[in-house]
N, C-alpha and C. Protein backbone atom coordinates (compact mmCIF):
# COMPACT_ATOMS: atom_id res chain seq x y z
N MET A 1 122.89 111.10 109.90
CA MET A 1 121.97 110.08 110.35
C MET A 1 122.73 108.87 110.87
N SER A 2 123.62 109.08 111.82
CA SER A 2 124.36 107.97 112.40
C SER A 2 123.44 107.17 113.29
N ARG A 3 123.80 105.92 113.54
CA ARG A 3 123.01 105.02 114.39
C ARG A 3 121.57 104.99 113.89
N ARG A 4 121.40 104.50 112.70
CA ARG A 4 120.10 104.51 112.04
C ARG A 4 119.07 103.73 112.85
N PRO A 5 117.86 104.27 112.99
CA PRO A 5 116.81 103.54 113.71
C PRO A 5 116.28 102.36 112.92
N PHE A 6 116.45 102.39 111.59
CA PHE A 6 116.02 101.30 110.71
C PHE A 6 117.10 101.09 109.65
N GLU A 7 117.16 99.87 109.13
CA GLU A 7 118.09 99.57 108.05
C GLU A 7 117.41 99.64 106.68
N LEU A 8 116.13 99.28 106.64
CA LEU A 8 115.40 99.18 105.38
C LEU A 8 114.17 100.07 105.42
N LEU A 9 114.01 100.89 104.39
CA LEU A 9 112.83 101.74 104.23
C LEU A 9 112.06 101.22 103.02
N ILE A 10 110.82 100.78 103.26
CA ILE A 10 109.98 100.21 102.20
C ILE A 10 108.91 101.22 101.85
N PHE A 11 108.95 101.73 100.62
CA PHE A 11 108.03 102.77 100.19
C PHE A 11 106.89 102.20 99.35
N ASP A 12 105.70 102.69 99.61
CA ASP A 12 104.63 102.58 98.63
C ASP A 12 105.01 103.47 97.44
N TRP A 13 104.34 103.30 96.32
CA TRP A 13 104.66 104.06 95.12
C TRP A 13 103.63 105.17 94.87
N ASP A 14 102.43 104.79 94.41
CA ASP A 14 101.41 105.77 94.06
C ASP A 14 100.91 106.52 95.29
N GLY A 15 101.00 107.84 95.25
CA GLY A 15 100.53 108.67 96.35
C GLY A 15 101.56 108.89 97.43
N THR A 16 102.64 108.13 97.39
CA THR A 16 103.72 108.28 98.38
C THR A 16 104.95 108.90 97.74
N LEU A 17 105.40 108.32 96.63
CA LEU A 17 106.54 108.86 95.89
C LEU A 17 106.13 109.54 94.60
N ILE A 18 105.05 109.07 94.00
CA ILE A 18 104.64 109.59 92.70
C ILE A 18 103.23 110.18 92.81
N ASP A 19 103.04 111.32 92.20
CA ASP A 19 101.80 112.09 92.32
C ASP A 19 100.79 111.60 91.27
N SER A 20 100.21 110.43 91.53
CA SER A 20 99.43 109.73 90.51
C SER A 20 97.98 109.48 90.88
N ILE A 21 97.54 109.90 92.05
CA ILE A 21 96.19 109.55 92.47
C ILE A 21 95.14 110.11 91.52
N GLY A 22 95.31 111.36 91.12
CA GLY A 22 94.35 111.97 90.21
C GLY A 22 94.27 111.27 88.87
N THR A 23 95.42 110.87 88.33
CA THR A 23 95.42 110.18 87.04
C THR A 23 94.82 108.78 87.15
N ILE A 24 95.04 108.10 88.27
CA ILE A 24 94.44 106.78 88.47
C ILE A 24 92.92 106.89 88.53
N VAL A 25 92.43 107.90 89.24
CA VAL A 25 90.98 108.12 89.31
C VAL A 25 90.42 108.41 87.92
N ALA A 26 91.08 109.29 87.18
CA ALA A 26 90.60 109.65 85.85
C ALA A 26 90.61 108.46 84.90
N CYS A 27 91.64 107.66 84.98
CA CYS A 27 91.75 106.49 84.11
C CYS A 27 90.66 105.47 84.45
N THR A 28 90.40 105.27 85.73
CA THR A 28 89.35 104.36 86.14
C THR A 28 87.99 104.84 85.65
N GLN A 29 87.73 106.13 85.76
CA GLN A 29 86.47 106.68 85.29
C GLN A 29 86.33 106.50 83.78
N ALA A 30 87.40 106.67 83.04
CA ALA A 30 87.35 106.49 81.59
C ALA A 30 87.02 105.04 81.24
N ALA A 31 87.62 104.10 81.96
CA ALA A 31 87.34 102.68 81.70
C ALA A 31 85.91 102.33 82.04
N VAL A 32 85.41 102.85 83.15
CA VAL A 32 84.02 102.61 83.56
C VAL A 32 83.07 103.17 82.50
N ALA A 33 83.34 104.36 82.00
CA ALA A 33 82.49 104.97 80.98
C ALA A 33 82.50 104.17 79.69
N ASP A 34 83.67 103.65 79.30
CA ASP A 34 83.77 102.83 78.10
C ASP A 34 82.82 101.64 78.13
N LEU A 35 82.66 101.07 79.30
CA LEU A 35 81.84 99.87 79.45
C LEU A 35 80.37 100.20 79.69
N GLY A 36 80.03 101.49 79.73
CA GLY A 36 78.66 101.88 79.93
C GLY A 36 78.13 101.63 81.32
N LEU A 37 79.02 101.58 82.30
CA LEU A 37 78.61 101.33 83.68
C LEU A 37 78.19 102.64 84.35
N ASP A 38 77.45 102.53 85.43
CA ASP A 38 77.07 103.73 86.19
C ASP A 38 78.33 104.39 86.73
N PRO A 39 78.36 105.73 86.75
CA PRO A 39 79.53 106.43 87.28
C PRO A 39 79.81 106.04 88.73
N ILE A 40 81.08 106.08 89.09
CA ILE A 40 81.51 105.77 90.45
C ILE A 40 82.09 107.05 91.05
N ALA A 41 81.78 107.32 92.29
CA ALA A 41 82.27 108.54 92.93
C ALA A 41 83.80 108.55 92.95
N ASP A 42 84.39 109.71 92.66
CA ASP A 42 85.85 109.83 92.68
C ASP A 42 86.41 109.39 94.02
N GLU A 43 85.76 109.77 95.12
CA GLU A 43 86.28 109.44 96.44
C GLU A 43 86.32 107.94 96.67
N ALA A 44 85.34 107.22 96.14
CA ALA A 44 85.34 105.76 96.27
C ALA A 44 86.54 105.16 95.55
N ILE A 45 86.87 105.70 94.38
CA ILE A 45 88.04 105.20 93.65
C ILE A 45 89.32 105.55 94.40
N ARG A 46 89.41 106.80 94.88
CA ARG A 46 90.59 107.21 95.64
C ARG A 46 90.86 106.26 96.80
N ASN A 47 89.80 105.84 97.46
CA ASN A 47 89.96 104.99 98.64
C ASN A 47 90.47 103.60 98.31
N THR A 48 90.43 103.21 97.03
CA THR A 48 90.93 101.88 96.65
C THR A 48 92.35 101.91 96.10
N VAL A 49 92.89 103.12 95.85
CA VAL A 49 94.24 103.20 95.31
C VAL A 49 95.21 102.58 96.31
N GLY A 50 96.03 101.68 95.81
CA GLY A 50 96.94 100.93 96.67
C GLY A 50 96.66 99.45 96.63
N LEU A 51 95.40 99.10 96.31
CA LEU A 51 95.04 97.70 96.13
C LEU A 51 95.44 97.24 94.74
N GLY A 52 95.50 95.94 94.55
CA GLY A 52 95.66 95.40 93.21
C GLY A 52 94.39 95.67 92.40
N LEU A 53 94.49 95.55 91.08
CA LEU A 53 93.35 95.88 90.23
C LEU A 53 92.15 94.97 90.52
N ARG A 54 92.39 93.69 90.70
CA ARG A 54 91.26 92.79 90.99
C ARG A 54 90.58 93.19 92.29
N GLU A 55 91.35 93.50 93.32
CA GLU A 55 90.77 93.89 94.59
C GLU A 55 90.04 95.23 94.47
N THR A 56 90.54 96.11 93.60
CA THR A 56 89.87 97.38 93.35
C THR A 56 88.51 97.14 92.71
N VAL A 57 88.47 96.29 91.71
CA VAL A 57 87.19 95.99 91.04
C VAL A 57 86.22 95.34 92.02
N GLU A 58 86.72 94.44 92.85
CA GLU A 58 85.85 93.79 93.83
C GLU A 58 85.25 94.81 94.81
N ALA A 59 86.04 95.83 95.16
CA ALA A 59 85.55 96.85 96.09
C ALA A 59 84.56 97.80 95.43
N LEU A 60 84.83 98.18 94.18
CA LEU A 60 83.99 99.16 93.50
C LEU A 60 82.78 98.53 92.84
N LEU A 61 82.94 97.30 92.35
CA LEU A 61 81.86 96.60 91.64
C LEU A 61 81.76 95.19 92.21
N PRO A 62 81.22 95.06 93.41
CA PRO A 62 81.26 93.75 94.09
C PRO A 62 80.54 92.64 93.38
N HIS A 63 79.66 92.96 92.44
CA HIS A 63 78.92 91.91 91.73
C HIS A 63 79.52 91.60 90.36
N ALA A 64 80.68 92.17 90.07
CA ALA A 64 81.31 91.95 88.76
C ALA A 64 81.75 90.50 88.61
N ASP A 65 81.45 89.91 87.46
CA ASP A 65 81.92 88.55 87.19
C ASP A 65 83.26 88.62 86.45
N GLN A 66 83.79 87.46 86.09
CA GLN A 66 85.10 87.42 85.46
C GLN A 66 85.11 88.12 84.10
N VAL A 67 84.01 88.01 83.37
CA VAL A 67 83.94 88.65 82.06
C VAL A 67 84.02 90.17 82.21
N LEU A 68 83.25 90.71 83.16
CA LEU A 68 83.29 92.16 83.37
C LEU A 68 84.64 92.60 83.89
N TYR A 69 85.23 91.81 84.78
CA TYR A 69 86.57 92.15 85.28
C TYR A 69 87.57 92.22 84.12
N ASP A 70 87.54 91.23 83.24
CA ASP A 70 88.49 91.21 82.12
C ASP A 70 88.28 92.41 81.20
N ARG A 71 87.03 92.77 80.94
CA ARG A 71 86.74 93.91 80.08
C ARG A 71 87.21 95.21 80.73
N LEU A 72 86.97 95.34 82.02
CA LEU A 72 87.39 96.56 82.72
C LEU A 72 88.90 96.66 82.77
N ARG A 73 89.55 95.54 83.02
CA ARG A 73 91.01 95.53 83.07
C ARG A 73 91.59 95.95 81.72
N GLU A 74 91.03 95.40 80.63
CA GLU A 74 91.52 95.75 79.31
C GLU A 74 91.30 97.23 79.01
N ALA A 75 90.11 97.74 79.36
CA ALA A 75 89.82 99.16 79.11
C ALA A 75 90.73 100.06 79.94
N TYR A 76 90.97 99.67 81.20
CA TYR A 76 91.83 100.48 82.07
C TYR A 76 93.24 100.57 81.48
N PHE A 77 93.82 99.43 81.13
CA PHE A 77 95.19 99.46 80.64
C PHE A 77 95.30 100.16 79.28
N GLU A 78 94.26 100.04 78.46
CA GLU A 78 94.29 100.75 77.19
C GLU A 78 94.32 102.25 77.40
N HIS A 79 93.46 102.75 78.29
CA HIS A 79 93.47 104.18 78.59
C HIS A 79 94.77 104.61 79.26
N TRP A 80 95.28 103.76 80.17
CA TRP A 80 96.50 104.15 80.88
C TRP A 80 97.68 104.31 79.93
N VAL A 81 97.85 103.33 79.06
CA VAL A 81 98.99 103.37 78.14
C VAL A 81 98.82 104.50 77.13
N ARG A 82 97.59 104.70 76.64
CA ARG A 82 97.35 105.69 75.59
C ARG A 82 97.36 107.12 76.10
N THR A 83 96.88 107.33 77.35
CA THR A 83 96.62 108.70 77.79
C THR A 83 97.36 109.10 79.07
N TYR A 84 97.48 108.18 80.04
CA TYR A 84 97.87 108.59 81.38
C TYR A 84 99.27 108.17 81.82
N ALA A 85 99.86 107.19 81.18
CA ALA A 85 101.10 106.60 81.70
C ALA A 85 102.24 107.59 81.84
N GLU A 86 102.30 108.58 80.95
CA GLU A 86 103.41 109.52 80.97
C GLU A 86 103.16 110.75 81.85
N ARG A 87 101.99 110.81 82.48
CA ARG A 87 101.63 112.03 83.21
C ARG A 87 102.16 112.11 84.64
N PRO A 88 102.01 111.08 85.46
CA PRO A 88 102.30 111.29 86.90
C PRO A 88 103.78 111.56 87.16
N PRO A 89 104.10 112.66 87.80
CA PRO A 89 105.49 112.95 88.15
C PRO A 89 105.81 112.45 89.56
N LEU A 90 107.09 112.31 89.83
CA LEU A 90 107.50 112.17 91.23
C LEU A 90 107.10 113.45 91.96
N PHE A 91 106.76 113.32 93.24
CA PHE A 91 106.55 114.52 94.03
C PHE A 91 107.83 115.36 94.01
N VAL A 92 107.67 116.64 93.94
CA VAL A 92 108.82 117.54 93.92
C VAL A 92 109.71 117.26 95.13
N GLY A 93 110.98 117.03 94.86
CA GLY A 93 111.94 116.77 95.93
C GLY A 93 112.07 115.32 96.33
N ALA A 94 111.22 114.45 95.79
CA ALA A 94 111.25 113.04 96.21
C ALA A 94 112.55 112.35 95.79
N GLU A 95 113.02 112.60 94.58
CA GLU A 95 114.24 111.94 94.12
C GLU A 95 115.43 112.38 94.97
N GLU A 96 115.51 113.65 95.28
CA GLU A 96 116.61 114.13 96.12
C GLU A 96 116.53 113.52 97.52
N THR A 97 115.33 113.37 98.03
CA THR A 97 115.16 112.76 99.35
C THR A 97 115.61 111.31 99.34
N LEU A 98 115.22 110.57 98.32
CA LEU A 98 115.65 109.17 98.21
C LEU A 98 117.16 109.06 98.09
N SER A 99 117.74 109.92 97.29
CA SER A 99 119.21 109.90 97.14
C SER A 99 119.90 110.22 98.45
N ARG A 100 119.36 111.15 99.19
CA ARG A 100 119.92 111.51 100.49
C ARG A 100 119.87 110.32 101.45
N LEU A 101 118.77 109.61 101.44
CA LEU A 101 118.62 108.43 102.30
C LEU A 101 119.60 107.33 101.91
N ARG A 102 119.78 107.14 100.62
CA ARG A 102 120.75 106.15 100.15
C ARG A 102 122.15 106.52 100.61
N ARG A 103 122.52 107.79 100.47
CA ARG A 103 123.85 108.22 100.89
C ARG A 103 124.05 108.03 102.39
N ALA A 104 122.98 108.11 103.15
CA ALA A 104 123.06 107.93 104.60
C ALA A 104 123.16 106.46 104.99
N GLY A 105 123.05 105.55 104.01
CA GLY A 105 123.27 104.14 104.29
C GLY A 105 122.02 103.29 104.39
N PHE A 106 120.84 103.87 104.18
CA PHE A 106 119.61 103.10 104.23
C PHE A 106 119.46 102.25 102.97
N LEU A 107 118.94 101.05 103.13
CA LEU A 107 118.44 100.28 102.00
C LEU A 107 117.04 100.78 101.69
N LEU A 108 116.73 100.91 100.39
CA LEU A 108 115.42 101.38 99.97
C LEU A 108 114.74 100.30 99.14
N ALA A 109 113.43 100.17 99.31
CA ALA A 109 112.66 99.20 98.55
C ALA A 109 111.29 99.76 98.25
N VAL A 110 110.57 99.12 97.34
CA VAL A 110 109.21 99.51 96.98
C VAL A 110 108.29 98.31 97.11
N ALA A 111 107.11 98.54 97.68
CA ALA A 111 106.03 97.55 97.71
C ALA A 111 104.79 98.25 97.17
N THR A 112 104.27 97.78 96.04
CA THR A 112 103.22 98.52 95.37
C THR A 112 102.13 97.63 94.82
N GLY A 113 100.92 98.18 94.75
CA GLY A 113 99.81 97.49 94.12
C GLY A 113 99.83 97.58 92.61
N LYS A 114 100.82 98.26 92.03
CA LYS A 114 100.95 98.33 90.58
C LYS A 114 101.38 96.97 90.03
N SER A 115 101.19 96.79 88.75
CA SER A 115 101.75 95.62 88.07
C SER A 115 103.26 95.79 87.93
N ARG A 116 103.95 94.69 87.66
CA ARG A 116 105.39 94.77 87.42
C ARG A 116 105.68 95.64 86.22
N ARG A 117 104.93 95.46 85.16
CA ARG A 117 105.15 96.26 83.96
C ARG A 117 104.93 97.75 84.24
N GLY A 118 103.89 98.06 85.01
CA GLY A 118 103.60 99.45 85.32
C GLY A 118 104.69 100.09 86.18
N LEU A 119 105.18 99.35 87.17
CA LEU A 119 106.24 99.90 88.02
C LEU A 119 107.52 100.10 87.23
N GLU A 120 107.90 99.10 86.42
CA GLU A 120 109.13 99.23 85.64
C GLU A 120 109.05 100.43 84.69
N ARG A 121 107.89 100.61 84.06
CA ARG A 121 107.72 101.75 83.15
C ARG A 121 107.88 103.06 83.91
N ASP A 122 107.24 103.15 85.08
CA ASP A 122 107.33 104.37 85.87
C ASP A 122 108.76 104.65 86.33
N MET A 123 109.43 103.61 86.82
CA MET A 123 110.78 103.81 87.34
C MET A 123 111.75 104.25 86.25
N ASP A 124 111.59 103.69 85.06
CA ASP A 124 112.43 104.12 83.95
C ASP A 124 112.11 105.55 83.54
N ARG A 125 110.83 105.90 83.57
CA ARG A 125 110.41 107.23 83.14
C ARG A 125 110.93 108.31 84.08
N VAL A 126 110.89 108.05 85.40
CA VAL A 126 111.31 109.08 86.35
C VAL A 126 112.75 108.91 86.81
N GLY A 127 113.40 107.82 86.39
CA GLY A 127 114.83 107.67 86.63
C GLY A 127 115.23 107.30 88.04
N THR A 128 114.44 106.44 88.70
CA THR A 128 114.74 106.10 90.10
C THR A 128 115.16 104.64 90.29
N ARG A 129 115.24 103.88 89.22
CA ARG A 129 115.45 102.43 89.36
C ARG A 129 116.68 102.10 90.22
N GLU A 130 117.77 102.82 90.01
CA GLU A 130 119.02 102.48 90.69
C GLU A 130 119.00 102.79 92.18
N LEU A 131 118.00 103.51 92.64
CA LEU A 131 117.95 103.88 94.05
C LEU A 131 117.44 102.75 94.94
N PHE A 132 116.77 101.76 94.36
CA PHE A 132 116.10 100.74 95.15
C PHE A 132 116.83 99.40 95.09
N ALA A 133 117.00 98.81 96.28
CA ALA A 133 117.67 97.51 96.38
C ALA A 133 116.77 96.38 95.93
N ALA A 134 115.46 96.55 96.06
CA ALA A 134 114.50 95.51 95.68
C ALA A 134 113.12 96.12 95.55
N THR A 135 112.26 95.48 94.79
CA THR A 135 110.87 95.93 94.63
C THR A 135 109.96 94.72 94.59
N ARG A 136 108.70 94.94 95.00
CA ARG A 136 107.66 93.92 94.88
C ARG A 136 106.39 94.57 94.38
N THR A 137 105.70 93.87 93.48
CA THR A 137 104.44 94.34 92.93
C THR A 137 103.36 93.30 93.18
N VAL A 138 102.14 93.67 92.80
CA VAL A 138 101.01 92.76 92.99
C VAL A 138 101.11 91.56 92.06
N ASP A 139 101.99 91.60 91.07
CA ASP A 139 102.19 90.44 90.19
C ASP A 139 102.97 89.33 90.89
N GLU A 140 103.73 89.67 91.92
CA GLU A 140 104.59 88.68 92.58
C GLU A 140 104.12 88.30 93.98
N ALA A 141 103.15 89.00 94.52
CA ALA A 141 102.71 88.76 95.89
C ALA A 141 101.25 89.17 96.01
N PRO A 142 100.55 88.70 97.03
CA PRO A 142 99.15 89.09 97.21
C PRO A 142 99.02 90.60 97.40
N SER A 143 97.84 91.11 97.06
CA SER A 143 97.57 92.54 97.21
C SER A 143 97.63 92.95 98.67
N LYS A 144 98.02 94.21 98.90
CA LYS A 144 97.90 94.79 100.23
C LYS A 144 96.43 94.69 100.66
N PRO A 145 96.15 94.53 101.94
CA PRO A 145 97.05 94.62 103.10
C PRO A 145 97.74 93.31 103.49
N HIS A 146 97.66 92.28 102.65
CA HIS A 146 98.41 91.05 102.93
C HIS A 146 99.89 91.40 103.10
N PRO A 147 100.60 90.76 104.02
CA PRO A 147 102.01 91.14 104.29
C PRO A 147 103.02 90.55 103.32
N GLY A 148 102.56 89.81 102.31
CA GLY A 148 103.50 89.08 101.46
C GLY A 148 104.59 89.91 100.82
N MET A 149 104.25 91.11 100.33
CA MET A 149 105.27 91.94 99.68
C MET A 149 106.39 92.27 100.65
N VAL A 150 106.02 92.68 101.86
CA VAL A 150 107.03 93.07 102.85
C VAL A 150 107.84 91.86 103.28
N LEU A 151 107.19 90.75 103.53
CA LEU A 151 107.91 89.54 103.95
C LEU A 151 108.89 89.08 102.88
N ASP A 152 108.49 89.18 101.63
CA ASP A 152 109.40 88.83 100.54
C ASP A 152 110.62 89.74 100.51
N LEU A 153 110.39 91.04 100.68
CA LEU A 153 111.50 91.99 100.67
C LEU A 153 112.45 91.76 101.83
N LEU A 154 111.90 91.49 103.01
CA LEU A 154 112.75 91.20 104.16
C LEU A 154 113.61 89.98 103.90
N ASP A 155 112.99 88.96 103.34
CA ASP A 155 113.73 87.72 103.05
C ASP A 155 114.81 87.95 102.00
N ASP A 156 114.46 88.66 100.94
CA ASP A 156 115.42 88.91 99.86
C ASP A 156 116.63 89.70 100.34
N LEU A 157 116.40 90.66 101.22
CA LEU A 157 117.47 91.57 101.63
C LEU A 157 118.12 91.18 102.95
N GLY A 158 117.64 90.10 103.57
CA GLY A 158 118.24 89.63 104.81
C GLY A 158 118.05 90.59 105.97
N ILE A 159 116.87 91.20 106.04
CA ILE A 159 116.58 92.19 107.07
C ILE A 159 115.50 91.64 108.00
N GLU A 160 115.67 91.88 109.30
CA GLU A 160 114.63 91.48 110.25
C GLU A 160 113.51 92.51 110.26
N ALA A 161 112.31 92.04 110.60
CA ALA A 161 111.15 92.94 110.59
C ALA A 161 111.37 94.17 111.45
N LYS A 162 112.01 94.01 112.59
CA LYS A 162 112.21 95.15 113.50
C LYS A 162 113.16 96.19 112.92
N GLU A 163 113.89 95.84 111.87
CA GLU A 163 114.83 96.76 111.24
C GLU A 163 114.24 97.49 110.04
N ALA A 164 112.95 97.26 109.77
CA ALA A 164 112.33 97.83 108.57
C ALA A 164 111.21 98.78 108.93
N LEU A 165 111.01 99.77 108.07
CA LEU A 165 109.94 100.74 108.22
C LEU A 165 109.20 100.84 106.89
N VAL A 166 107.89 100.71 106.93
CA VAL A 166 107.04 100.87 105.74
C VAL A 166 106.48 102.29 105.72
N ILE A 167 106.61 102.96 104.58
CA ILE A 167 106.12 104.33 104.43
C ILE A 167 105.04 104.33 103.36
N GLY A 168 103.84 104.80 103.71
CA GLY A 168 102.76 104.78 102.74
C GLY A 168 101.67 105.79 103.05
N ASP A 169 100.78 105.95 102.07
CA ASP A 169 99.72 106.96 102.17
C ASP A 169 98.35 106.36 102.45
N THR A 170 98.24 105.03 102.59
CA THR A 170 96.93 104.41 102.78
C THR A 170 96.92 103.46 103.97
N SER A 171 95.71 103.16 104.41
CA SER A 171 95.55 102.18 105.48
C SER A 171 96.05 100.81 105.04
N TYR A 172 95.99 100.52 103.74
CA TYR A 172 96.46 99.22 103.24
C TYR A 172 97.96 99.06 103.50
N ASP A 173 98.72 100.14 103.33
CA ASP A 173 100.16 100.10 103.60
C ASP A 173 100.42 99.83 105.08
N LEU A 174 99.69 100.54 105.94
CA LEU A 174 99.94 100.42 107.37
C LEU A 174 99.50 99.05 107.90
N ARG A 175 98.39 98.56 107.40
CA ARG A 175 97.92 97.23 107.81
C ARG A 175 98.89 96.15 107.32
N MET A 176 99.43 96.31 106.13
CA MET A 176 100.44 95.39 105.62
C MET A 176 101.65 95.36 106.54
N ALA A 177 102.10 96.53 106.95
CA ALA A 177 103.26 96.61 107.84
C ALA A 177 103.00 95.91 109.16
N THR A 178 101.84 96.17 109.75
CA THR A 178 101.50 95.54 111.03
C THR A 178 101.48 94.03 110.91
N SER A 179 100.88 93.53 109.84
CA SER A 179 100.80 92.07 109.64
C SER A 179 102.17 91.45 109.42
N ALA A 180 103.10 92.24 108.85
CA ALA A 180 104.45 91.74 108.61
C ALA A 180 105.36 91.91 109.82
N GLY A 181 104.89 92.61 110.85
CA GLY A 181 105.69 92.80 112.06
C GLY A 181 106.65 93.96 111.99
N THR A 182 106.44 94.88 111.03
CA THR A 182 107.32 96.05 110.91
C THR A 182 106.61 97.29 111.44
N GLN A 183 107.38 98.34 111.66
CA GLN A 183 106.82 99.63 111.97
C GLN A 183 106.31 100.29 110.69
N SER A 184 105.47 101.32 110.85
CA SER A 184 104.96 102.03 109.68
C SER A 184 104.97 103.53 109.94
N LEU A 185 104.93 104.26 108.82
CA LEU A 185 104.91 105.72 108.86
C LEU A 185 103.96 106.18 107.77
N GLY A 186 103.03 107.08 108.12
CA GLY A 186 102.09 107.58 107.14
C GLY A 186 102.57 108.86 106.49
N VAL A 187 102.10 109.11 105.27
CA VAL A 187 102.27 110.40 104.62
C VAL A 187 100.90 110.82 104.08
N SER A 188 100.65 112.13 104.06
CA SER A 188 99.31 112.62 103.71
C SER A 188 99.23 113.15 102.29
N THR A 189 100.06 112.63 101.40
CA THR A 189 100.10 113.12 100.02
C THR A 189 99.24 112.30 99.07
N GLY A 190 98.56 111.27 99.58
CA GLY A 190 97.83 110.38 98.70
C GLY A 190 96.36 110.25 99.01
N SER A 191 95.92 109.01 99.18
CA SER A 191 94.49 108.71 99.25
C SER A 191 93.87 108.95 100.62
N HIS A 192 94.61 108.71 101.69
CA HIS A 192 94.02 108.78 103.03
C HIS A 192 94.69 109.87 103.85
N SER A 193 93.89 110.56 104.64
CA SER A 193 94.40 111.64 105.48
C SER A 193 95.10 111.09 106.71
N CYS A 194 95.84 111.96 107.38
CA CYS A 194 96.50 111.54 108.63
C CYS A 194 95.47 111.11 109.67
N GLU A 195 94.30 111.74 109.66
CA GLU A 195 93.25 111.35 110.59
C GLU A 195 92.79 109.93 110.32
N GLN A 196 92.65 109.58 109.06
CA GLN A 196 92.27 108.21 108.70
C GLN A 196 93.37 107.22 109.05
N LEU A 197 94.61 107.61 108.83
CA LEU A 197 95.74 106.70 109.06
C LEU A 197 96.00 106.48 110.55
N ALA A 198 95.62 107.42 111.38
CA ALA A 198 95.92 107.33 112.81
C ALA A 198 95.34 106.06 113.44
N GLU A 199 94.22 105.59 112.90
CA GLU A 199 93.59 104.37 113.43
C GLU A 199 94.53 103.17 113.38
N TYR A 200 95.48 103.20 112.45
CA TYR A 200 96.36 102.04 112.23
C TYR A 200 97.72 102.20 112.89
N ARG A 201 97.85 103.17 113.76
CA ARG A 201 98.99 103.34 114.66
C ARG A 201 100.35 103.45 113.95
N PRO A 202 100.45 104.33 112.96
CA PRO A 202 101.80 104.58 112.42
C PRO A 202 102.63 105.30 113.48
N MET A 203 103.94 105.24 113.35
CA MET A 203 104.80 105.94 114.29
C MET A 203 104.59 107.45 114.22
N ALA A 204 104.25 107.92 113.02
CA ALA A 204 103.94 109.34 112.81
C ALA A 204 103.25 109.44 111.46
N CYS A 205 102.73 110.62 111.16
CA CYS A 205 102.19 110.89 109.83
C CYS A 205 102.79 112.21 109.36
N LEU A 206 103.53 112.16 108.27
CA LEU A 206 104.24 113.33 107.76
C LEU A 206 103.45 113.95 106.61
N SER A 207 103.72 115.20 106.33
CA SER A 207 103.03 115.85 105.21
C SER A 207 103.54 115.35 103.87
N SER A 208 104.76 114.83 103.82
CA SER A 208 105.31 114.24 102.60
C SER A 208 106.59 113.48 102.94
N VAL A 209 107.10 112.72 101.98
CA VAL A 209 108.36 111.99 102.21
C VAL A 209 109.54 112.94 102.35
N LEU A 210 109.37 114.18 101.94
CA LEU A 210 110.48 115.13 102.08
C LEU A 210 110.86 115.34 103.54
N GLU A 211 109.94 115.09 104.45
CA GLU A 211 110.23 115.25 105.88
C GLU A 211 110.90 114.02 106.48
N LEU A 212 111.01 112.95 105.71
CA LEU A 212 111.50 111.69 106.26
C LEU A 212 112.94 111.74 106.78
N PRO A 213 113.89 112.33 106.05
CA PRO A 213 115.27 112.34 106.58
C PRO A 213 115.38 112.98 107.96
N GLU A 214 114.70 114.11 108.16
CA GLU A 214 114.78 114.76 109.46
C GLU A 214 114.03 113.95 110.52
N TRP A 215 112.89 113.38 110.14
CA TRP A 215 112.16 112.57 111.11
C TRP A 215 112.99 111.38 111.58
N LEU A 216 113.74 110.77 110.69
CA LEU A 216 114.56 109.61 111.05
C LEU A 216 115.66 109.95 112.04
N LYS A 217 115.99 111.23 112.17
CA LYS A 217 116.99 111.66 113.14
C LYS A 217 116.36 112.04 114.48
N SER A 218 115.04 112.02 114.56
CA SER A 218 114.35 112.48 115.76
C SER A 218 114.23 111.37 116.80
N PRO A 219 114.05 111.73 118.07
CA PRO A 219 113.83 110.71 119.10
C PRO A 219 112.60 109.85 118.82
N GLU A 220 111.60 110.43 118.18
CA GLU A 220 110.37 109.69 117.86
C GLU A 220 110.66 108.48 116.99
N ALA A 221 111.62 108.61 116.09
CA ALA A 221 111.94 107.51 115.18
C ALA A 221 112.61 106.35 115.90
N ARG A 222 113.13 106.60 117.08
CA ARG A 222 113.84 105.56 117.82
C ARG A 222 112.97 104.92 118.89
N THR A 223 111.70 105.30 118.91
CA THR A 223 110.76 104.73 119.87
C THR A 223 110.01 103.60 119.20
N GLN A 224 110.34 102.39 119.54
CA GLN A 224 109.71 101.22 118.94
C GLN A 224 108.36 100.97 119.59
N VAL A 225 107.29 101.05 118.77
CA VAL A 225 105.93 100.84 119.25
C VAL A 225 105.53 99.42 118.98
N PRO A 226 105.07 98.66 120.00
CA PRO A 226 104.69 97.27 119.76
C PRO A 226 103.61 97.19 118.69
C-alpha cells in the first residue's frame, strides 16, 4: 500500500468493527420492558445505533422527560453490564485487518457513540487498544452526526481533513464525515444497508472492513469526491 490515499482511518465501533447490533437491540428491549413501556420495534432501535444514548432515547421516546431518561439509562447499563457486555465479538478477521493497516503505515482511530467506559471495556476485552492512535466517544464530544469527534481526532493527530477517511455502518457516520470535511466509506455489517448509505455519498460501500486493505489500493480510493 505505497503512496497511501489517506493517512488516518477513523472507524466507527458498533456494527463496523464489533458485531454488537443484536446485543444492543436486545439490551434496549430489556430496559424498555423493565420500565413497563410499550414495546419498540427492533428495526427502530437498530436505526438509532450509533447515536449517543440521550439521542437514542429522544428518537425512540420523543416525549420522555429527564426522569424517564435517567431510569432508562440506569436500566440499560444494568442489563448491559450484567448480561450483554461480554457477548459482542469483533467481526471475524477484523483484528488482522487492523493490524495489516497499521503495518502499512496508516494511523487508526475510533469515533463512537459508546461511552468512554463502554469503549475502554470493549477494547480491553477484545485486545485492540494498542492498534489505535486516538479515540473519541460521546462522553467527550457531541453525538454523531455532529462532526466534533472527527474534528477532535484530526486536531489531536495533526491530520488535515483531506487526509482522513471515516469508515462506518450508519448514515450518522457518513454525515459526520461530510460535516467534518473528510471522505467516508460505508460498510454493510451494521444498522444501515448500502442502499441506505448511498444517499450520503460514501466513496464506496464494502461488505465488511475486511475488504478495506484491498480497496485502499484501488484507483477508486484515490478519487477525491468533493
